[in-house]
Amino acid sequence: MNIKNQNEWPSKEKLTKALQKALAKIDENLIKFEGAFPTRCAENLVYDVEGNRSWTNGFWPGII
């Protein structure tokens, strides 16, 4: 994205809405993945649940 001036930035309202949506998705996933981790790859845009079997599992705690 090549932004030349501040008027091209998303509005505060759009940014707030995007942040709220992202936080709601994290909260939703905290329930699903309690004590487990998302799989490395999604199937049909959905991550399954797995145990601590891969180095990539470390990204999930970093997100939350």
N, C-alpha and C. Protein backbone atom coordinates (compact mmCIF):
# COMPACT_ATOMS: atom_id res chain seq x y z
N MET A 1 0.85 -1.18 0.00
CA MET A 1 0.00 0.00 0.00
C MET A 1 0.89 1.23 0.00
N ASN A 2 0.68 2.09 -0.94
CA ASN A 2 1.46 3.31 -1.05
C ASN A 2 0.59 4.50 -0.62
N ILE A 3 0.80 4.94 0.60
CA ILE A 3 -0.01 6.03 1.14
C ILE A 3 0.80 7.32 1.05
N LYS A 4 0.26 8.28 0.32
CA LYS A 4 0.98 9.53 0.10
C LYS A 4 0.66 10.60 1.13
N ASN A 5 -0.53 10.55 1.67
CA ASN A 5 -0.88 11.52 2.70
C ASN A 5 -1.81 10.89 3.73
N GLN A 6 -1.94 11.55 4.83
CA GLN A 6 -2.69 11.02 5.98
C GLN A 6 -4.17 10.81 5.65
N ASN A 7 -4.70 11.53 4.68
CA ASN A 7 -6.11 11.39 4.32
C ASN A 7 -6.43 10.03 3.70
N GLU A 8 -5.42 9.30 3.24
CA GLU A 8 -5.62 8.00 2.63
C GLU A 8 -5.65 6.87 3.67
N TRP A 9 -5.29 7.16 4.90
CA TRP A 9 -5.30 6.15 5.94
C TRP A 9 -6.74 5.77 6.28
N PRO A 10 -6.97 4.53 6.72
CA PRO A 10 -8.33 4.15 7.17
C PRO A 10 -8.75 5.04 8.35
N SER A 11 -10.02 5.25 8.47
CA SER A 11 -10.53 6.09 9.55
C SER A 11 -10.35 5.39 10.90
N LYS A 12 -10.40 6.17 11.95
CA LYS A 12 -10.30 5.63 13.30
C LYS A 12 -11.42 4.62 13.55
N GLU A 13 -12.60 4.90 13.03
CA GLU A 13 -13.74 3.99 13.21
C GLU A 13 -13.49 2.65 12.53
N LYS A 14 -12.95 2.67 11.30
CA LYS A 14 -12.65 1.43 10.59
C LYS A 14 -11.57 0.63 11.31
N LEU A 15 -10.55 1.31 11.79
CA LEU A 15 -9.48 0.63 12.51
C LEU A 15 -10.00 0.03 13.82
N THR A 16 -10.84 0.76 14.52
CA THR A 16 -11.42 0.26 15.77
C THR A 16 -12.27 -0.97 15.51
N LYS A 17 -13.09 -0.92 14.46
CA LYS A 17 -13.94 -2.06 14.11
C LYS A 17 -13.09 -3.28 13.73
N ALA A 18 -12.02 -3.07 12.97
CA ALA A 18 -11.14 -4.18 12.58
C ALA A 18 -10.46 -4.79 13.81
N LEU A 19 -10.01 -3.96 14.73
CA LEU A 19 -9.38 -4.45 15.95
C LEU A 19 -10.37 -5.23 16.81
N GLN A 20 -11.57 -4.73 16.94
CA GLN A 20 -12.60 -5.44 17.72
C GLN A 20 -12.91 -6.80 17.10
N LYS A 21 -12.97 -6.87 15.78
CA LYS A 21 -13.23 -8.13 15.09
C LYS A 21 -12.09 -9.12 15.32
N ALA A 22 -10.85 -8.64 15.25
CA ALA A 22 -9.70 -9.51 15.48
C ALA A 22 -9.68 -10.03 16.91
N LEU A 23 -9.96 -9.16 17.88
CA LEU A 23 -9.97 -9.58 19.28
C LEU A 23 -11.10 -10.57 19.56
N ALA A 24 -12.25 -10.38 18.93
CA ALA A 24 -13.36 -11.31 19.10
C ALA A 24 -13.00 -12.69 18.55
N LYS A 25 -12.28 -12.73 17.41
CA LYS A 25 -11.86 -14.00 16.83
C LYS A 25 -10.86 -14.71 17.74
N ILE A 26 -9.95 -13.96 18.33
CA ILE A 26 -9.00 -14.56 19.29
C ILE A 26 -9.75 -15.13 20.48
N ASP A 27 -10.70 -14.37 21.03
CA ASP A 27 -11.50 -14.87 22.16
C ASP A 27 -12.24 -16.15 21.79
N GLU A 28 -12.81 -16.19 20.60
CA GLU A 28 -13.52 -17.38 20.12
C GLU A 28 -12.56 -18.58 20.03
N ASN A 29 -11.39 -18.33 19.52
CA ASN A 29 -10.41 -19.41 19.37
C ASN A 29 -9.81 -19.86 20.69
N LEU A 30 -9.77 -18.98 21.68
CA LEU A 30 -9.27 -19.38 23.00
C LEU A 30 -10.12 -20.52 23.58
N ILE A 31 -11.42 -20.46 23.32
CA ILE A 31 -12.31 -21.52 23.80
C ILE A 31 -12.02 -22.82 23.05
N LYS A 32 -11.92 -22.72 21.73
CA LYS A 32 -11.70 -23.91 20.90
C LYS A 32 -10.35 -24.57 21.18
N PHE A 33 -9.32 -23.79 21.38
CA PHE A 33 -7.97 -24.33 21.50
C PHE A 33 -7.44 -24.36 22.93
N GLU A 34 -8.33 -24.32 23.91
CA GLU A 34 -7.88 -24.36 25.30
C GLU A 34 -7.09 -25.65 25.55
N GLY A 35 -5.85 -25.50 25.96
CA GLY A 35 -5.00 -26.65 26.25
C GLY A 35 -4.49 -27.37 25.00
N ALA A 36 -4.70 -26.79 23.84
CA ALA A 36 -4.27 -27.40 22.58
C ALA A 36 -3.79 -26.30 21.64
N PHE A 37 -3.54 -26.68 20.40
CA PHE A 37 -3.01 -25.73 19.42
C PHE A 37 -3.72 -25.89 18.08
N PRO A 38 -3.74 -24.82 17.28
CA PRO A 38 -4.26 -24.97 15.92
C PRO A 38 -3.29 -25.81 15.09
N THR A 39 -3.80 -26.57 14.15
CA THR A 39 -2.94 -27.31 13.24
C THR A 39 -2.14 -26.34 12.38
N ARG A 40 -1.08 -26.85 11.76
CA ARG A 40 -0.22 -26.01 10.93
C ARG A 40 -0.94 -25.47 9.71
N CYS A 41 -1.85 -26.25 9.18
CA CYS A 41 -2.56 -25.87 7.94
C CYS A 41 -4.07 -25.96 8.16
N ALA A 42 -4.76 -25.04 7.55
CA ALA A 42 -6.22 -25.05 7.61
C ALA A 42 -6.77 -25.93 6.49
N GLU A 43 -7.92 -26.52 6.74
CA GLU A 43 -8.64 -27.25 5.71
C GLU A 43 -9.97 -26.55 5.52
N ASN A 44 -10.24 -26.10 4.32
CA ASN A 44 -11.44 -25.31 4.03
C ASN A 44 -11.50 -24.07 4.92
N LEU A 45 -10.35 -23.45 5.13
CA LEU A 45 -10.20 -22.22 5.92
C LEU A 45 -10.50 -22.41 7.41
N VAL A 46 -10.46 -23.66 7.90
CA VAL A 46 -10.70 -23.95 9.30
C VAL A 46 -9.51 -24.74 9.86
N TYR A 47 -9.00 -24.29 11.00
CA TYR A 47 -7.91 -24.98 11.66
C TYR A 47 -8.46 -26.02 12.62
N ASP A 48 -7.90 -27.21 12.57
CA ASP A 48 -8.28 -28.27 13.49
C ASP A 48 -7.46 -28.12 14.77
N VAL A 49 -7.74 -28.94 15.75
CA VAL A 49 -7.05 -28.90 17.05
C VAL A 49 -6.03 -30.03 17.10
N GLU A 50 -4.83 -29.74 17.62
CA GLU A 50 -3.82 -30.78 17.81
C GLU A 50 -3.03 -30.50 19.08
N GLY A 51 -2.28 -31.49 19.50
CA GLY A 51 -1.41 -31.33 20.66
C GLY A 51 -0.15 -30.57 20.28
N ASN A 52 0.77 -30.47 21.22
CA ASN A 52 2.02 -29.75 21.01
C ASN A 52 2.98 -30.67 20.25
N ARG A 53 2.84 -30.73 18.93
CA ARG A 53 3.63 -31.64 18.11
C ARG A 53 4.57 -30.96 17.14
N SER A 54 4.56 -29.67 17.03
CA SER A 54 5.34 -29.00 16.00
C SER A 54 5.90 -27.68 16.52
N TRP A 55 7.00 -27.26 15.95
CA TRP A 55 7.59 -25.99 16.36
C TRP A 55 6.66 -24.82 16.03
N THR A 56 5.79 -24.98 15.04
CA THR A 56 4.89 -23.88 14.68
C THR A 56 3.82 -23.64 15.73
N ASN A 57 3.60 -24.58 16.64
CA ASN A 57 2.62 -24.38 17.69
C ASN A 57 2.96 -23.18 18.57
N GLY A 58 4.21 -22.81 18.61
CA GLY A 58 4.64 -21.65 19.41
C GLY A 58 4.08 -20.33 18.93
N PHE A 59 3.61 -20.28 17.69
CA PHE A 59 3.03 -19.04 17.21
C PHE A 59 1.70 -18.71 17.88
N TRP A 60 0.93 -19.74 18.23
CA TRP A 60 -0.39 -19.52 18.84
C TRP A 60 -0.28 -18.78 20.17
N PRO A 61 0.59 -19.22 21.11
CA PRO A 61 0.71 -18.43 22.35
C PRO A 61 1.23 -17.02 22.09
N GLY A 62 2.03 -16.86 21.05
CA GLY A 62 2.52 -15.54 20.72
C GLY A 62 1.42 -14.61 20.24
N ILE A 63 0.40 -15.16 19.60
CA ILE A 63 -0.73 -14.35 19.14
C ILE A 63 -1.56 -13.88 20.32
N ILE A 64 -1.81 -14.82 21.27
CA ILE A 64 -2.67 -14.45 22.38
C ILE A 64 -1.87 -13.75 23.45
